[in-house]
C-alpha atoms as a PDB file:
ATOM      1  CA  MET A   1      12.210 -26.022  71.068  1.00  0.00           C
ATOM      2  CA  TRP A   2      13.823 -27.842  68.093  1.00  0.00           C
ATOM      3  CA  SER A   3      11.356 -30.712  68.389  1.00  0.00           C
ATOM      4  CA  ASN A   4       8.417 -28.440  68.403  1.00  0.00           C
ATOM      5  CA  ILE A   5       9.785 -26.827  64.832  1.00  0.00           C
ATOM      6  CA  TRP A   6      10.430 -30.083  63.541  1.00  0.00           C
ATOM      7  CA  SER A   7       6.970 -31.272  64.399  1.00  0.00           C
ATOM      8  CA  ALA A   8       5.502 -28.155  62.664  1.00  0.00           C
ATOM      9  CA  MET A   9       7.490 -28.818  59.534  1.00  0.00           C
ATOM     10  CA  GLN A  10       6.520 -32.535  59.312  1.00  0.00           C
ATOM     11  CA  LYS A  11       2.773 -31.317  59.551  1.00  0.00           C
ATOM     12  CA  ASN A  12       3.222 -28.716  56.695  1.00  0.00           C
ATOM     13  CA  ILE A  13       4.822 -31.453  54.587  1.00  0.00           C
ATOM     14  CA  ALA A  14       2.040 -33.788  55.123  1.00  0.00           C
ATOM     15  CA  ASN A  15      -0.567 -31.230  54.067  1.00  0.00           C
ATOM     16  CA  LEU A  16       1.315 -30.457  50.714  1.00  0.00           C
ATOM     17  CA  PRO A  17      -0.194 -32.310  47.863  1.00  0.00           C
ATOM     18  CA  SER A  18       2.073 -35.165  46.527  1.00  0.00           C
ATOM     19  CA  PHE A  19       4.230 -34.984  43.460  1.00  0.00           C
ATOM     20  CA  GLU A  20       1.891 -37.238  41.340  1.00  0.00           C
ATOM     21  CA  ILE A  21      -1.200 -35.236  42.056  1.00  0.00           C
ATOM     22  CA  LEU A  22       0.692 -31.949  40.938  1.00  0.00           C
ATOM     23  CA  ILE A  23       1.680 -33.654  37.904  1.00  0.00           C
ATOM     24  CA  TRP A  24      -1.532 -35.049  37.137  1.00  0.00           C
ATOM     25  CA  GLY A  25      -3.315 -31.904  37.675  1.00  0.00           C
ATOM     26  CA  THR A  26      -1.013 -30.074  35.442  1.00  0.00           C
ATOM     27  CA  VAL A  27      -1.496 -32.799  32.732  1.00  0.00           C
ATOM     28  CA  LYS A  28      -5.212 -32.377  33.036  1.00  0.00           C
ATOM     29  CA  ASP A  29      -5.157 -28.797  32.669  1.00  0.00           C
ATOM     30  CA  ALA A  30      -3.002 -29.017  29.685  1.00  0.00           C
ATOM     31  CA  LEU A  31      -5.335 -31.288  28.246  1.00  0.00           C
ATOM     32  CA  LYS A  32      -8.291 -29.310  28.703  1.00  0.00           C
ATOM     33  CA  ILE A  33      -6.770 -26.445  26.972  1.00  0.00           C
ATOM     34  CA  LEU A  34      -5.694 -28.406  23.923  1.00  0.00           C
ATOM     35  CA  LEU A  35      -9.185 -29.910  23.614  1.00  0.00           C
ATOM     36  CA  LEU A  36     -10.724 -26.271  24.030  1.00  0.00           C
ATOM     37  CA  TYR A  37      -8.093 -24.847  21.350  1.00  0.00           C
ATOM     38  CA  LEU A  38      -8.968 -27.827  18.825  1.00  0.00           C
ATOM     39  CA  LEU A  39     -12.646 -27.038  19.321  1.00  0.00           C
ATOM     40  CA  SER A  40     -12.148 -23.520  18.857  1.00  0.00           C
ATOM     41  CA  ARG A  41     -10.433 -24.160  15.792  1.00  0.00           C
ATOM     42  CA  ILE A  42     -13.003 -26.434  14.214  1.00  0.00           C
ATOM     43  CA  ALA A  43     -15.747 -24.077  15.114  1.00  0.00           C
ATOM     44  CA  ILE A  44     -13.752 -21.333  13.339  1.00  0.00           C
ATOM     45  CA  ARG A  45     -13.779 -23.658  10.200  1.00  0.00           C
ATOM     46  CA  VAL A  46     -17.415 -24.740  10.385  1.00  0.00           C
ATOM     47  CA  LEU A  47     -18.797 -21.216  10.908  1.00  0.00           C
ATOM     48  CA  VAL A  48     -16.462 -19.572   8.444  1.00  0.00           C
ATOM     49  CA  SER A  49     -17.321 -22.301   5.781  1.00  0.00           C
ATOM     50  CA  VAL A  50     -21.412 -21.848   6.462  1.00  0.00           C
ATOM     51  CA  ILE A  51     -20.892 -18.011   6.408  1.00  0.00           C
ATOM     52  CA  ASN A  52     -19.397 -18.181   3.079  1.00  0.00           C
ATOM     53  CA  LYS A  53     -21.711 -20.694   1.431  1.00  0.00           C
ATOM     54  CA  LEU A  54     -24.420 -18.386   2.575  1.00  0.00           C
ATOM     55  CA  LEU A  55     -22.972 -15.534   0.712  1.00  0.00           C
ATOM     56  CA  ARG A  56     -22.165 -17.440  -2.352  1.00  0.00           C
ATOM     57  CA  SER A  57     -25.825 -18.975  -2.472  1.00  0.00           C
ATOM     58  CA  ARG A  58     -28.121 -17.703  -4.967  1.00  0.00           C
ATOM     59  CA  ALA A  59     -30.458 -16.383  -2.648  1.00  0.00           C
ATOM     60  CA  VAL A  60     -27.961 -13.861  -1.683  1.00  0.00           C
ATOM     61  CA  LYS A  61     -27.434 -11.212  -4.650  1.00  0.00           C
ATOM     62  CA  MET A  62     -24.704  -8.631  -4.043  1.00  0.00           C
ATOM     63  CA  GLN A  63     -21.616  -7.275  -6.211  1.00  0.00           C
ATOM     64  CA  GLU A  64     -18.525  -9.469  -6.065  1.00  0.00           C
ATOM     65  CA  ARG A  65     -16.543  -6.917  -4.456  1.00  0.00           C
ATOM     66  CA  LYS A  66     -19.327  -6.539  -1.690  1.00  0.00           C
ATOM     67  CA  ARG A  67     -19.428 -10.446  -1.116  1.00  0.00           C
ATOM     68  CA  LYS A  68     -15.753 -10.672  -0.864  1.00  0.00           C
ATOM     69  CA  THR A  69     -15.579  -7.693   1.710  1.00  0.00           C
ATOM     70  CA  LEU A  70     -18.406  -9.235   3.907  1.00  0.00           C
ATOM     71  CA  GLU A  71     -16.575 -12.544   3.911  1.00  0.00           C
ATOM     72  CA  SER A  72     -13.214 -10.852   5.096  1.00  0.00           C
ATOM     73  CA  LEU A  73     -15.173  -8.929   7.741  1.00  0.00           C
ATOM     74  CA  LEU A  74     -17.216 -11.792   9.001  1.00  0.00           C
ATOM     75  CA  ASP A  75     -14.176 -14.140   9.238  1.00  0.00           C
ATOM     76  CA  ASN A  76     -12.319 -11.651  11.170  1.00  0.00           C
ATOM     77  CA  LEU A  77     -15.322 -11.080  13.451  1.00  0.00           C
ATOM     78  CA  THR A  78     -15.917 -14.801  13.864  1.00  0.00           C
ATOM     79  CA  ARG A  79     -12.266 -15.420  14.899  1.00  0.00           C
ATOM     80  CA  TYR A  80     -12.153 -12.602  17.348  1.00  0.00           C
ATOM     81  CA  SER A  81     -15.385 -14.033  19.337  1.00  0.00           C
ATOM     82  CA  ILE A  82     -14.305 -17.469  19.426  1.00  0.00           C
ATOM     83  CA  TYR A  83     -10.897 -16.694  20.592  1.00  0.00           C
ATOM     84  CA  PHE A  84     -12.446 -14.604  23.204  1.00  0.00           C
ATOM     85  CA  ILE A  85     -14.624 -17.192  24.309  1.00  0.00           C
ATOM     86  CA  PHE A  86     -11.845 -19.725  24.269  1.00  0.00           C
ATOM     87  CA  GLY A  87      -9.731 -17.403  26.417  1.00  0.00           C
ATOM     88  CA  LEU A  88     -12.319 -17.332  29.242  1.00  0.00           C
ATOM     89  CA  MET A  89     -12.863 -20.905  29.140  1.00  0.00           C
ATOM     90  CA  VAL A  90      -9.096 -21.456  29.436  1.00  0.00           C
ATOM     91  CA  LEU A  91      -9.149 -19.004  32.679  1.00  0.00           C
ATOM     92  CA  GLN A  92     -11.868 -21.144  33.988  1.00  0.00           C
ATOM     93  CA  ALA A  93     -10.369 -24.496  33.272  1.00  0.00           C
ATOM     94  CA  ILE A  94      -7.289 -23.574  35.360  1.00  0.00           C
ATOM     95  CA  GLY A  95      -9.238 -22.793  38.457  1.00  0.00           C
ATOM     96  CA  LEU A  96      -9.881 -18.885  37.881  1.00  0.00           C
ATOM     97  CA  LYS A  97     -13.324 -17.710  38.704  1.00  0.00           C
ATOM     98  CA  ILE A  98     -14.321 -15.623  35.604  1.00  0.00           C
ATOM     99  CA  THR A  99     -17.291 -13.559  37.666  1.00  0.00           C
ATOM    100  CA  THR A 100     -14.393 -12.335  40.114  1.00  0.00           C
ATOM    101  CA  LEU A 101     -12.327 -11.315  36.976  1.00  0.00           C
ATOM    102  CA  LEU A 102     -15.397  -9.553  35.322  1.00  0.00           C
ATOM    103  CA  ALA A 103     -16.009  -7.742  38.648  1.00  0.00           C
ATOM    104  CA  GLY A 104     -12.356  -6.369  38.859  1.00  0.00           C
ATOM    105  CA  ALA A 105     -12.575  -5.671  35.225  1.00  0.00           C
ATOM    106  CA  GLY A 106     -14.180  -2.069  36.155  1.00  0.00           C
ATOM    107  CA  ILE A 107     -11.161  -1.215  37.851  1.00  0.00           C
ATOM    108  CA  ALA A 108      -8.487  -2.583  35.452  1.00  0.00           C
ATOM    109  CA  GLY A 109     -10.842  -1.123  32.384  1.00  0.00           C
ATOM    110  CA  VAL A 110      -9.753   2.495  33.717  1.00  0.00           C
ATOM    111  CA  ALA A 111      -6.262   1.783  34.115  1.00  0.00           C
ATOM    112  CA  LEU A 112      -6.273   0.005  30.529  1.00  0.00           C
ATOM    113  CA  GLY A 113      -8.576   2.531  28.849  1.00  0.00           C
ATOM    114  CA  PHE A 114      -5.885   5.057  28.203  1.00  0.00           C
ATOM    115  CA  GLY A 115      -3.835   2.182  26.351  1.00  0.00           C
ATOM    116  CA  ALA A 116      -6.466   0.901  24.539  1.00  0.00           C
ATOM    117  CA  GLN A 117      -7.640   4.362  22.883  1.00  0.00           C
ATOM    118  CA  SER A 118      -5.678   3.446  19.689  1.00  0.00           C
ATOM    119  CA  LEU A 119      -7.416  -0.083  19.481  1.00  0.00           C
ATOM    120  CA  ILE A 120     -10.944   1.705  19.876  1.00  0.00           C
ATOM    121  CA  LYS A 121     -10.024   3.975  17.338  1.00  0.00           C
ATOM    122  CA  ASP A 122      -9.024   1.496  14.859  1.00  0.00           C
ATOM    123  CA  ILE A 123     -12.238  -0.524  15.454  1.00  0.00           C
ATOM    124  CA  LEU A 124     -14.326   2.398  15.189  1.00  0.00           C
ATOM    125  CA  THR A 125     -12.546   3.686  12.007  1.00  0.00           C
ATOM    126  CA  GLY A 126     -13.042   0.279  10.530  1.00  0.00           C
ATOM    127  CA  PHE A 127     -16.924   0.269  10.917  1.00  0.00           C
ATOM    128  CA  PHE A 128     -17.067   3.472   9.429  1.00  0.00           C
ATOM    129  CA  ILE A 129     -15.193   2.310   6.517  1.00  0.00           C
ATOM    130  CA  LEU A 130     -17.333  -0.782   5.879  1.00  0.00           C
ATOM    131  CA  PHE A 131     -20.758   1.230   6.574  1.00  0.00           C
ATOM    132  CA  GLU A 132     -19.710   4.042   4.108  1.00  0.00           C
ATOM    133  CA  ASP A 133     -18.292   1.467   1.830  1.00  0.00           C
ATOM    134  CA  GLN A 134     -15.166   3.784   1.003  1.00  0.00           C
ATOM    135  CA  TYR A 135     -13.417   0.411  -0.453  1.00  0.00           C
ATOM    136  CA  GLY A 136     -13.472  -3.259  -0.513  1.00  0.00           C
ATOM    137  CA  VAL A 137     -11.566  -6.189  -1.254  1.00  0.00           C
ATOM    138  CA  GLY A 138     -10.271  -6.572  -4.767  1.00  0.00           C
ATOM    139  CA  ASP A 139     -10.425  -2.745  -5.092  1.00  0.00           C
ATOM    140  CA  LEU A 140      -7.400  -0.943  -6.291  1.00  0.00           C
ATOM    141  CA  VAL A 141      -6.701   2.196  -3.806  1.00  0.00           C
ATOM    142  CA  LYS A 142      -3.939   4.543  -2.371  1.00  0.00           C
ATOM    143  CA  ILE A 143      -4.017   4.649   1.315  1.00  0.00           C
ATOM    144  CA  ASN A 144      -1.650   7.123   2.906  1.00  0.00           C
ATOM    145  CA  ASN A 145       0.583   7.201  -0.313  1.00  0.00           C
ATOM    146  CA  PHE A 146       0.720   3.482  -0.792  1.00  0.00           C
ATOM    147  CA  THR A 147      -1.008   1.909  -3.877  1.00  0.00           C
ATOM    148  CA  GLY A 148      -2.188  -1.441  -4.105  1.00  0.00           C
ATOM    149  CA  THR A 149      -5.215  -4.007  -4.148  1.00  0.00           C
ATOM    150  CA  VAL A 150      -7.230  -4.518  -1.056  1.00  0.00           C
ATOM    151  CA  GLN A 151      -6.549  -8.069   0.355  1.00  0.00           C
ATOM    152  CA  GLY A 152      -8.535  -8.001   3.429  1.00  0.00           C
ATOM    153  CA  ILE A 153     -10.565  -5.548   5.656  1.00  0.00           C
ATOM    154  CA  GLY A 154     -10.675  -6.485   9.364  1.00  0.00           C
ATOM    155  CA  LEU A 155     -12.329  -4.300  12.416  1.00  0.00           C
ATOM    156  CA  ARG A 156      -8.701  -3.505  13.039  1.00  0.00           C
ATOM    157  CA  LEU A 157      -6.655  -3.774  10.088  1.00  0.00           C
ATOM    158  CA  THR A 158      -6.545  -3.316   6.457  1.00  0.00           C
ATOM    159  CA  ARG A 159      -4.161  -5.357   4.213  1.00  0.00           C
ATOM    160  CA  ILE A 160      -2.956  -4.027   0.755  1.00  0.00           C
ATOM    161  CA  GLN A 161      -0.910  -5.721  -1.663  1.00  0.00           C
ATOM    162  CA  ALA A 162       1.050  -3.570  -4.242  1.00  0.00           C
ATOM    163  CA  TRP A 163       1.618  -4.847  -7.813  1.00  0.00           C
ATOM    164  CA  THR A 164       5.300  -5.845  -7.061  1.00  0.00           C
ATOM    165  CA  GLY A 165       4.206  -8.044  -4.553  1.00  0.00           C
ATOM    166  CA  GLU A 166       4.666  -6.043  -1.188  1.00  0.00           C
ATOM    167  CA  VAL A 167       1.728  -6.327   1.555  1.00  0.00           C
ATOM    168  CA  GLU A 168       1.173  -3.056   3.754  1.00  0.00           C
ATOM    169  CA  VAL A 169      -1.015  -3.838   6.847  1.00  0.00           C
ATOM    170  CA  ILE A 170      -2.453  -0.404   7.793  1.00  0.00           C
ATOM    171  CA  PRO A 171      -4.132   0.001  11.362  1.00  0.00           C
ATOM    172  CA  ASN A 172      -7.669   1.464  10.215  1.00  0.00           C
ATOM    173  CA  GLY A 173      -7.398   4.349  12.737  1.00  0.00           C
ATOM    174  CA  GLN A 174      -3.869   5.589  10.834  1.00  0.00           C
ATOM    175  CA  ILE A 175      -5.939   5.978   7.566  1.00  0.00           C
ATOM    176  CA  LEU A 176      -6.119   9.616   6.860  1.00  0.00           C
ATOM    177  CA  GLN A 177      -6.634   9.602   2.913  1.00  0.00           C
ATOM    178  CA  VAL A 178      -8.127   7.057   0.597  1.00  0.00           C
ATOM    179  CA  THR A 179      -8.105   7.288  -3.200  1.00  0.00           C
ATOM    180  CA  ASN A 180     -10.361   4.162  -4.784  1.00  0.00           C
ATOM    181  CA  TYR A 181      -9.613   3.635  -8.431  1.00  0.00           C
ATOM    182  CA  SER A 182     -12.141   0.898  -9.087  1.00  0.00           C
ATOM    183  CA  ARG A 183     -15.499   3.095  -8.350  1.00  0.00           C
ATOM    184  CA  THR A 184     -15.592   4.632 -12.151  1.00  0.00           C
ATOM    185  CA  ASN A 185     -14.205   3.967 -15.490  1.00  0.00           C
ATOM    186  CA  SER A 186     -10.611   4.911 -16.397  1.00  0.00           C
ATOM    187  CA  LEU A 187      -9.268   6.741 -19.077  1.00  0.00           C
ATOM    188  CA  ALA A 188      -6.483   5.356 -21.129  1.00  0.00           C
ATOM    189  CA  VAL A 189      -4.552   8.039 -22.464  1.00  0.00           C
ATOM    190  CA  ILE A 190      -2.037   7.267 -25.654  1.00  0.00           C
ATOM    191  CA  ASP A 191       0.504   9.909 -26.297  1.00  0.00           C
ATOM    192  CA  VAL A 192       2.162   9.684 -29.604  1.00  0.00           C
ATOM    193  CA  GLY A 193       5.021  11.876 -30.596  1.00  0.00           C
ATOM    194  CA  VAL A 194       5.922  12.427 -34.487  1.00  0.00           C
ATOM    195  CA  GLY A 195       8.502  14.613 -36.374  1.00  0.00           C
ATOM    196  CA  TYR A 196       7.774  18.000 -37.802  1.00  0.00           C
ATOM    197  CA  HIS A 197       8.110  17.001 -41.271  1.00  0.00           C
ATOM    198  CA  THR A 198       5.399  14.156 -40.797  1.00  0.00           C
ATOM    199  CA  ASN A 199       1.855  14.370 -42.561  1.00  0.00           C
ATOM    200  CA  LEU A 200      -0.407  14.686 -39.547  1.00  0.00           C
ATOM    201  CA  ASP A 201      -3.540  13.953 -41.564  1.00  0.00           C
ATOM    202  CA  GLU A 202      -2.171  10.342 -42.299  1.00  0.00           C
ATOM    203  CA  ALA A 203      -0.542   9.866 -38.958  1.00  0.00           C
ATOM    204  CA  ILE A 204      -4.166  10.710 -37.430  1.00  0.00           C
ATOM    205  CA  GLU A 205      -5.720   8.379 -39.926  1.00  0.00           C
ATOM    206  CA  ILE A 206      -3.409   5.796 -38.563  1.00  0.00           C
ATOM    207  CA  LEU A 207      -4.219   6.228 -35.049  1.00  0.00           C
ATOM    208  CA  ARG A 208      -7.871   6.234 -35.789  1.00  0.00           C
ATOM    209  CA  ARG A 209      -7.706   2.892 -37.678  1.00  0.00           C
ATOM    210  CA  VAL A 210      -5.557   1.347 -35.254  1.00  0.00           C
ATOM    211  CA  MET A 211      -7.732   2.524 -32.049  1.00  0.00           C
ATOM    212  CA  SER A 212     -10.611   0.964 -33.933  1.00  0.00           C
ATOM    213  CA  GLU A 213      -8.973  -2.382 -34.111  1.00  0.00           C
ATOM    214  CA  VAL A 214      -7.812  -2.161 -30.457  1.00  0.00           C
ATOM    215  CA  LYS A 215     -11.295  -1.705 -29.406  1.00  0.00           C
ATOM    216  CA  ALA A 216     -12.536  -4.533 -31.571  1.00  0.00           C
ATOM    217  CA  GLU A 217     -10.117  -6.872 -29.975  1.00  0.00           C
ATOM    218  CA  THR A 218     -10.920  -6.142 -26.525  1.00  0.00           C
ATOM    219  CA  ASP A 219     -14.173  -5.653 -24.356  1.00  0.00           C
ATOM    220  CA  VAL A 220     -12.695  -3.378 -21.871  1.00  0.00           C
ATOM    221  CA  ILE A 221     -12.958  -0.330 -23.821  1.00  0.00           C
ATOM    222  CA  VAL A 222     -16.730   0.798 -22.997  1.00  0.00           C
ATOM    223  CA  GLY A 223     -16.840   4.176 -24.400  1.00  0.00           C
ATOM    224  CA  ASP A 224     -15.887   6.077 -27.442  1.00  0.00           C
ATOM    225  CA  VAL A 225     -12.291   6.571 -28.655  1.00  0.00           C
ATOM    226  CA  GLN A 226     -11.395  10.375 -28.845  1.00  0.00           C
ATOM    227  CA  ILE A 227      -8.605  11.452 -31.479  1.00  0.00           C
ATOM    228  CA  LEU A 228      -7.949  14.373 -29.719  1.00  0.00           C
ATOM    229  CA  GLY A 229      -4.959  15.584 -32.298  1.00  0.00           C
ATOM    230  CA  VAL A 230      -2.296  17.514 -31.632  1.00  0.00           C
ATOM    231  CA  GLN A 231      -1.581  18.084 -27.994  1.00  0.00           C
ATOM    232  CA  SER A 232       1.516  20.050 -27.953  1.00  0.00           C
ATOM    233  CA  LEU A 233       4.346  21.276 -29.948  1.00  0.00           C
ATOM    234  CA  ARG A 234       7.491  20.034 -28.184  1.00  0.00           C
ATOM    235  CA  GLN A 235      11.144  20.666 -29.011  1.00  0.00           C
ATOM    236  CA  SER A 236      11.925  17.460 -30.695  1.00  0.00           C
ATOM    237  CA  ASP A 237       8.437  16.362 -31.887  1.00  0.00           C
ATOM    238  CA  ILE A 238       4.546  17.165 -32.166  1.00  0.00           C
ATOM    239  CA  LEU A 239       2.456  15.329 -29.763  1.00  0.00           C
ATOM    240  CA  LEU A 240      -0.455  13.538 -30.898  1.00  0.00           C
ATOM    241  CA  ARG A 241      -2.931  12.268 -27.894  1.00  0.00           C
ATOM    242  CA  VAL A 242      -5.670   9.646 -28.130  1.00  0.00           C
ATOM    243  CA  THR A 243      -8.109   8.732 -25.177  1.00  0.00           C
ATOM    244  CA  ALA A 244     -10.263   5.806 -24.762  1.00  0.00           C
ATOM    245  CA  GLU A 245     -12.811   5.102 -21.800  1.00  0.00           C
ATOM    246  CA  CYS A 246     -11.905   1.667 -20.145  1.00  0.00           C
ATOM    247  CA  LEU A 247     -13.555  -0.308 -17.661  1.00  0.00           C
ATOM    248  CA  PRO A 248     -12.031   0.451 -13.992  1.00  0.00           C
ATOM    249  CA  THR A 249      -8.241  -0.099 -13.782  1.00  0.00           C
ATOM    250  CA  GLN A 250      -7.987  -1.579 -17.204  1.00  0.00           C
ATOM    251  CA  GLN A 251      -6.457   1.378 -19.021  1.00  0.00           C
ATOM    252  CA  TYR A 252      -2.796   0.468 -18.443  1.00  0.00           C
ATOM    253  CA  GLY A 253      -3.283  -2.573 -20.653  1.00  0.00           C
ATOM    254  CA  VAL A 254      -5.289  -0.683 -23.481  1.00  0.00           C
ATOM    255  CA  GLN A 255      -2.196   1.846 -23.362  1.00  0.00           C
ATOM    256  CA  ARG A 256       0.204  -0.935 -23.954  1.00  0.00           C
ATOM    257  CA  ARG A 257      -1.742  -2.885 -26.540  1.00  0.00           C
ATOM    258  CA  ALA A 258      -2.377   0.415 -28.537  1.00  0.00           C
ATOM    259  CA  GLN A 259       1.531   1.545 -28.341  1.00  0.00           C
ATOM    260  CA  GLN A 260       2.441  -1.617 -29.866  1.00  0.00           C
ATOM    261  CA  LYS A 261       0.114  -1.395 -32.621  1.00  0.00           C
ATOM    262  CA  ILE A 262       0.720   2.108 -33.484  1.00  0.00           C
ATOM    263  CA  LYS A 263       4.571   1.315 -33.598  1.00  0.00           C
ATOM    264  CA  GLN A 264       3.789  -1.600 -36.109  1.00  0.00           C
ATOM    265  CA  ALA A 265       1.327   0.785 -38.164  1.00  0.00           C
ATOM    266  CA  PHE A 266       3.933   3.749 -38.217  1.00  0.00           C
ATOM    267  CA  ASP A 267       6.692   1.446 -39.368  1.00  0.00           C
ATOM    268  CA  GLU A 268       4.747   0.041 -42.332  1.00  0.00           C
ATOM    269  CA  ALA A 269       3.681   3.641 -43.187  1.00  0.00           C
ATOM    270  CA  GLY A 270       7.331   4.807 -42.999  1.00  0.00           C
ATOM    271  CA  ILE A 271       6.507   7.256 -40.173  1.00  0.00           C
ATOM    272  CA  GLU A 272       9.452   7.789 -37.875  1.00  0.00           C
ATOM    273  CA  PHE A 273       9.662   8.666 -34.162  1.00  0.00           C
ATOM    274  CA  PRO A 274      12.009  11.561 -33.823  1.00  0.00           C
ATOM    275  CA  SER A 275      14.784  11.436 -31.381  1.00  0.00           C
ATOM    276  CA  LEU A 276      16.938  14.036 -29.858  1.00  0.00           C
ATOM    277  CA  GLN A 277      20.170  12.375 -31.423  1.00  0.00           C
ATOM    278  CA  ASN A 278      18.668  13.142 -35.127  1.00  0.00           C
ATOM    279  CA  PHE A 279      16.584  15.985 -34.468  1.00  0.00           C
ATOM    280  CA  THR A 280      16.722  18.830 -36.997  1.00  0.00           C
ATOM    281  CA  PRO A 281      14.870  22.027 -35.946  1.00  0.00           C
ATOM    282  CA  PRO A 282      12.539  23.030 -38.844  1.00  0.00           C
ATOM    283  CA  ILE A 283      13.317  26.152 -40.991  1.00  0.00           C
ATOM    284  CA  VAL A 284      10.842  28.909 -40.203  1.00  0.00           C
ATOM    285  CA  ALA A 285      10.769  31.887 -42.809  1.00  0.00           C
ATOM    286  CA  GLY A 286      10.813  35.115 -41.162  1.00  0.00           C
ATOM    287  CA  PRO A 287      12.591  38.435 -40.912  1.00  0.00           C
ATOM    288  CA  MET A 288      16.221  38.229 -39.461  1.00  0.00           C
ATOM    289  CA  PRO A 289      16.696  39.626 -35.911  1.00  0.00           C
ATOM    290  CA  GLY A 290      16.950  43.267 -35.785  1.00  0.00           C
ATOM    291  CA  LYS A 291      15.493  43.935 -39.052  1.00  0.00           C
ATOM    292  CA  SER A 292      12.073  44.803 -39.888  1.00  0.00           C
END
């Protein structure tokens, strides 16, 4: 009996591949995968470079924001496609039959379908965002209460960078509300508070002169400057308001420049900005309380 068992074990060991064959097979598969990966990376670089050159050529005329959006989308689509092909070729290189896997994909697809619902939702929403042109690369937007500049749009994700540097990555399927600040001209609103004893005609004339200088210095003011005058009577001052129509998202720079020049002009004219520390309420003539 023992002799029969020993003979069977020797026969099984003899049928096993040698250690050298196993090592060589593993190394050969690893080299194939490495070569496929390098070819995939080269293909991605070449295709992305060709696409970018085509979009930047003189024959293709489109807005800069649309061009950047298309570059981001096609770059994303190219990477997904090539990596998918790379995955199939890796499976084939290690000896798995792709046809068998695809045949079983129908059964596995039913099981994975429920788990992939969010992924499908992200991709479908991404298509709607692109086709409806809700926003593009370079636009200043607010998405789900996060405000920043769009850095990239993919089929699944949108990347936004805040002005302080943070990058928010939002799945497209979770985008509920979009506010785009880059579609129409913006309005610079400059509010200036002056004391109750200030000559309003003189202050308004200074505002008109200063805003004319600001408009002459920059090309981002595209509309007329409106001197609205007295906006409100507050406890400590009189609020004067000036508005100027600017290119999209350029109103903040205009406001800062205008406030600086207004401060300098008021200082030269001797007009002081009131504060709560030195505020004296104006004396208003009228009957005493309780008397007619």
